[in-house]
């Protein structure tokens, strides 16, 4: 396997830590991507056989989290320059309801007002 500049930067970021870089970055990714608590991440990793404390996860997130959070923010889809608004007034059971949705030029929905989904 070849070592690239990115791999050496990745490895040097987590140098002198007890756990592998993949576990550390996965913890920070879980914490920021899904807005989990450190205790939730601790439980998830314990179910996979990785034993560590929530304090360790909290420290990793403080130390490495900003880098991961910036990467997630850069990769998240953004609404495009052009967008469309569909709106309609409906009369249901004698009551008037106003519904709208906003979509960008690739028809990804980024705004919606309507009845809540029943689960």
C-alpha atoms as a PDB file:
ATOM      1  CA  UNK A   1       0.000   0.000   0.000  1.00  0.00           C
ATOM      2  CA  UNK A   2       1.319   3.410  -0.949  1.00  0.00           C
ATOM      3  CA  UNK A   3       1.515   6.215   1.568  1.00  0.00           C
ATOM      4  CA  UNK A   4       0.230   9.509   0.275  1.00  0.00           C
ATOM      5  CA  UNK A   5       0.554  12.989   1.748  1.00  0.00           C
ATOM      6  CA  UNK A   6      -3.035  12.814   2.978  1.00  0.00           C
ATOM      7  CA  UNK A   7      -2.382   9.550   4.828  1.00  0.00           C
ATOM      8  CA  UNK A   8       0.701  10.934   6.554  1.00  0.00           C
ATOM      9  CA  UNK A   9      -1.221  14.074   7.576  1.00  0.00           C
ATOM     10  CA  UNK A  10      -4.070  11.876   8.849  1.00  0.00           C
ATOM     11  CA  UNK A  11      -1.667   9.693  10.837  1.00  0.00           C
ATOM     12  CA  UNK A  12       0.314  12.629  12.230  1.00  0.00           C
ATOM     13  CA  UNK A  13      -2.861  14.287  13.503  1.00  0.00           C
ATOM     14  CA  UNK A  14      -3.551  11.301  15.774  1.00  0.00           C
ATOM     15  CA  UNK A  15       0.085  10.520  16.620  1.00  0.00           C
ATOM     16  CA  UNK A  16       0.754   9.270  20.185  1.00  0.00           C
ATOM     17  CA  UNK A  17      -2.827   8.253  20.912  1.00  0.00           C
ATOM     18  CA  UNK A  18      -3.673   4.840  22.307  1.00  0.00           C
ATOM     19  CA  UNK A  19      -6.466   4.082  19.839  1.00  0.00           C
ATOM     20  CA  UNK A  20      -6.106   3.906  16.049  1.00  0.00           C
ATOM     21  CA  UNK A  21      -6.839   7.016  14.019  1.00  0.00           C
ATOM     22  CA  UNK A  22      -9.892   5.363  12.447  1.00  0.00           C
ATOM     23  CA  UNK A  23     -11.596   4.905  15.816  1.00  0.00           C
ATOM     24  CA  UNK A  24     -10.838   8.450  16.941  1.00  0.00           C
ATOM     25  CA  UNK A  25     -12.118  10.003  13.741  1.00  0.00           C
ATOM     26  CA  UNK A  26     -15.185   7.733  13.758  1.00  0.00           C
ATOM     27  CA  UNK A  27     -16.047   8.868  17.301  1.00  0.00           C
ATOM     28  CA  UNK A  28     -15.789  12.529  16.343  1.00  0.00           C
ATOM     29  CA  UNK A  29     -17.781  11.882  13.162  1.00  0.00           C
ATOM     30  CA  UNK A  30     -20.597  10.168  15.081  1.00  0.00           C
ATOM     31  CA  UNK A  31     -20.649  12.905  17.711  1.00  0.00           C
ATOM     32  CA  UNK A  32     -20.929  15.777  15.224  1.00  0.00           C
ATOM     33  CA  UNK A  33     -22.779  14.174  12.314  1.00  0.00           C
ATOM     34  CA  UNK A  34     -25.705  12.783  14.307  1.00  0.00           C
ATOM     35  CA  UNK A  35     -25.622  15.219  17.270  1.00  0.00           C
ATOM     36  CA  UNK A  36     -25.121  12.395  19.750  1.00  0.00           C
ATOM     37  CA  UNK A  37     -23.890  12.813  23.289  1.00  0.00           C
ATOM     38  CA  UNK A  38     -20.498  11.450  24.285  1.00  0.00           C
ATOM     39  CA  UNK A  39     -22.268   8.795  26.364  1.00  0.00           C
ATOM     40  CA  UNK A  40     -24.309   7.692  23.327  1.00  0.00           C
ATOM     41  CA  UNK A  41     -21.130   7.323  21.270  1.00  0.00           C
ATOM     42  CA  UNK A  42     -19.554   5.410  24.167  1.00  0.00           C
ATOM     43  CA  UNK A  43     -22.482   2.959  24.180  1.00  0.00           C
ATOM     44  CA  UNK A  44     -22.391   2.510  20.408  1.00  0.00           C
ATOM     45  CA  UNK A  45     -18.693   1.687  20.440  1.00  0.00           C
ATOM     46  CA  UNK A  46     -19.101  -0.613  23.467  1.00  0.00           C
ATOM     47  CA  UNK A  47     -21.626  -2.613  21.451  1.00  0.00           C
ATOM     48  CA  UNK A  48     -18.906  -3.046  18.826  1.00  0.00           C
ATOM     49  CA  UNK A  49     -16.324  -4.133  21.405  1.00  0.00           C
ATOM     50  CA  UNK A  50     -14.401  -0.857  21.777  1.00  0.00           C
ATOM     51  CA  UNK A  51     -14.179   0.027  25.459  1.00  0.00           C
ATOM     52  CA  UNK A  52     -13.492   3.662  26.297  1.00  0.00           C
ATOM     53  CA  UNK A  53     -15.002   6.378  28.463  1.00  0.00           C
ATOM     54  CA  UNK A  54     -17.248   9.256  27.487  1.00  0.00           C
ATOM     55  CA  UNK A  55     -14.556  11.620  28.816  1.00  0.00           C
ATOM     56  CA  UNK A  56     -12.121  10.271  26.232  1.00  0.00           C
ATOM     57  CA  UNK A  57     -14.671  10.872  23.481  1.00  0.00           C
ATOM     58  CA  UNK A  58     -15.333  14.370  24.784  1.00  0.00           C
ATOM     59  CA  UNK A  59     -11.607  15.172  24.744  1.00  0.00           C
ATOM     60  CA  UNK A  60     -11.220  13.783  21.219  1.00  0.00           C
ATOM     61  CA  UNK A  61     -14.157  15.861  20.024  1.00  0.00           C
ATOM     62  CA  UNK A  62     -12.666  18.990  21.555  1.00  0.00           C
ATOM     63  CA  UNK A  63      -9.254  18.259  20.061  1.00  0.00           C
ATOM     64  CA  UNK A  64     -10.165  16.924  16.608  1.00  0.00           C
ATOM     65  CA  UNK A  65     -13.814  17.859  16.268  1.00  0.00           C
ATOM     66  CA  UNK A  66     -13.500  21.243  14.595  1.00  0.00           C
ATOM     67  CA  UNK A  67     -11.615  19.718  11.674  1.00  0.00           C
ATOM     68  CA  UNK A  68     -14.255  17.011  11.232  1.00  0.00           C
ATOM     69  CA  UNK A  69     -17.119  19.483  11.638  1.00  0.00           C
ATOM     70  CA  UNK A  70     -15.621  21.735   8.956  1.00  0.00           C
ATOM     71  CA  UNK A  71     -15.289  18.761   6.597  1.00  0.00           C
ATOM     72  CA  UNK A  72     -18.920  17.776   7.161  1.00  0.00           C
ATOM     73  CA  UNK A  73     -20.088  21.342   6.591  1.00  0.00           C
ATOM     74  CA  UNK A  74     -18.142  21.582   3.309  1.00  0.00           C
ATOM     75  CA  UNK A  75     -19.550  18.288   2.025  1.00  0.00           C
ATOM     76  CA  UNK A  76     -23.183  18.939   2.874  1.00  0.00           C
ATOM     77  CA  UNK A  77     -25.385  19.814  -0.103  1.00  0.00           C
ATOM     78  CA  UNK A  78     -26.234  23.479  -0.420  1.00  0.00           C
ATOM     79  CA  UNK A  79     -29.305  24.938  -2.106  1.00  0.00           C
ATOM     80  CA  UNK A  80     -28.483  26.145  -5.602  1.00  0.00           C
ATOM     81  CA  UNK A  81     -28.679  29.647  -7.024  1.00  0.00           C
ATOM     82  CA  UNK A  82     -32.124  29.119  -8.535  1.00  0.00           C
ATOM     83  CA  UNK A  83     -35.057  27.916  -6.528  1.00  0.00           C
ATOM     84  CA  UNK A  84     -38.781  27.518  -7.037  1.00  0.00           C
ATOM     85  CA  UNK A  85     -41.672  27.970  -4.668  1.00  0.00           C
ATOM     86  CA  UNK A  86     -44.854  25.934  -5.072  1.00  0.00           C
ATOM     87  CA  UNK A  87     -47.806  27.085  -3.021  1.00  0.00           C
ATOM     88  CA  UNK A  88     -51.456  26.163  -2.871  1.00  0.00           C
ATOM     89  CA  UNK A  89     -54.560  26.799  -0.769  1.00  0.00           C
ATOM     90  CA  UNK A  90     -56.644  23.680  -0.107  1.00  0.00           C
ATOM     91  CA  UNK A  91     -60.062  23.365   1.474  1.00  0.00           C
ATOM     92  CA  UNK A  92     -60.207  20.194   3.544  1.00  0.00           C
ATOM     93  CA  UNK A  93     -63.271  19.454   5.688  1.00  0.00           C
ATOM     94  CA  UNK A  94     -64.325  23.071   5.418  1.00  0.00           C
ATOM     95  CA  UNK A  95     -60.983  24.458   6.652  1.00  0.00           C
ATOM     96  CA  UNK A  96     -58.558  26.293   4.378  1.00  0.00           C
ATOM     97  CA  UNK A  97     -54.955  25.077   4.520  1.00  0.00           C
ATOM     98  CA  UNK A  98     -51.933  26.836   3.010  1.00  0.00           C
ATOM     99  CA  UNK A  99     -49.205  24.479   1.766  1.00  0.00           C
ATOM    100  CA  UNK A 100     -45.850  25.381   0.250  1.00  0.00           C
ATOM    101  CA  UNK A 101     -42.547  23.789  -0.667  1.00  0.00           C
ATOM    102  CA  UNK A 102     -39.286  25.247  -1.913  1.00  0.00           C
ATOM    103  CA  UNK A 103     -36.937  23.352  -4.245  1.00  0.00           C
ATOM    104  CA  UNK A 104     -33.627  24.249  -5.846  1.00  0.00           C
ATOM    105  CA  UNK A 105     -32.696  23.827  -9.527  1.00  0.00           C
ATOM    106  CA  UNK A 106     -31.981  20.112  -8.995  1.00  0.00           C
ATOM    107  CA  UNK A 107     -35.407  19.644  -7.352  1.00  0.00           C
ATOM    108  CA  UNK A 108     -33.991  18.981  -3.889  1.00  0.00           C
ATOM    109  CA  UNK A 109     -36.537  20.141  -1.325  1.00  0.00           C
ATOM    110  CA  UNK A 110     -35.192  22.563   1.272  1.00  0.00           C
ATOM    111  CA  UNK A 111     -38.387  24.037   2.653  1.00  0.00           C
ATOM    112  CA  UNK A 112     -41.820  22.593   3.359  1.00  0.00           C
ATOM    113  CA  UNK A 113     -45.017  23.486   5.156  1.00  0.00           C
ATOM    114  CA  UNK A 114     -47.814  21.007   5.412  1.00  0.00           C
ATOM    115  CA  UNK A 115     -49.484  18.419   7.566  1.00  0.00           C
ATOM    116  CA  UNK A 116     -47.213  16.505   9.897  1.00  0.00           C
ATOM    117  CA  UNK A 117     -46.557  12.879   8.971  1.00  0.00           C
ATOM    118  CA  UNK A 118     -48.306  10.454  11.310  1.00  0.00           C
ATOM    119  CA  UNK A 119     -46.108   7.563  12.387  1.00  0.00           C
END
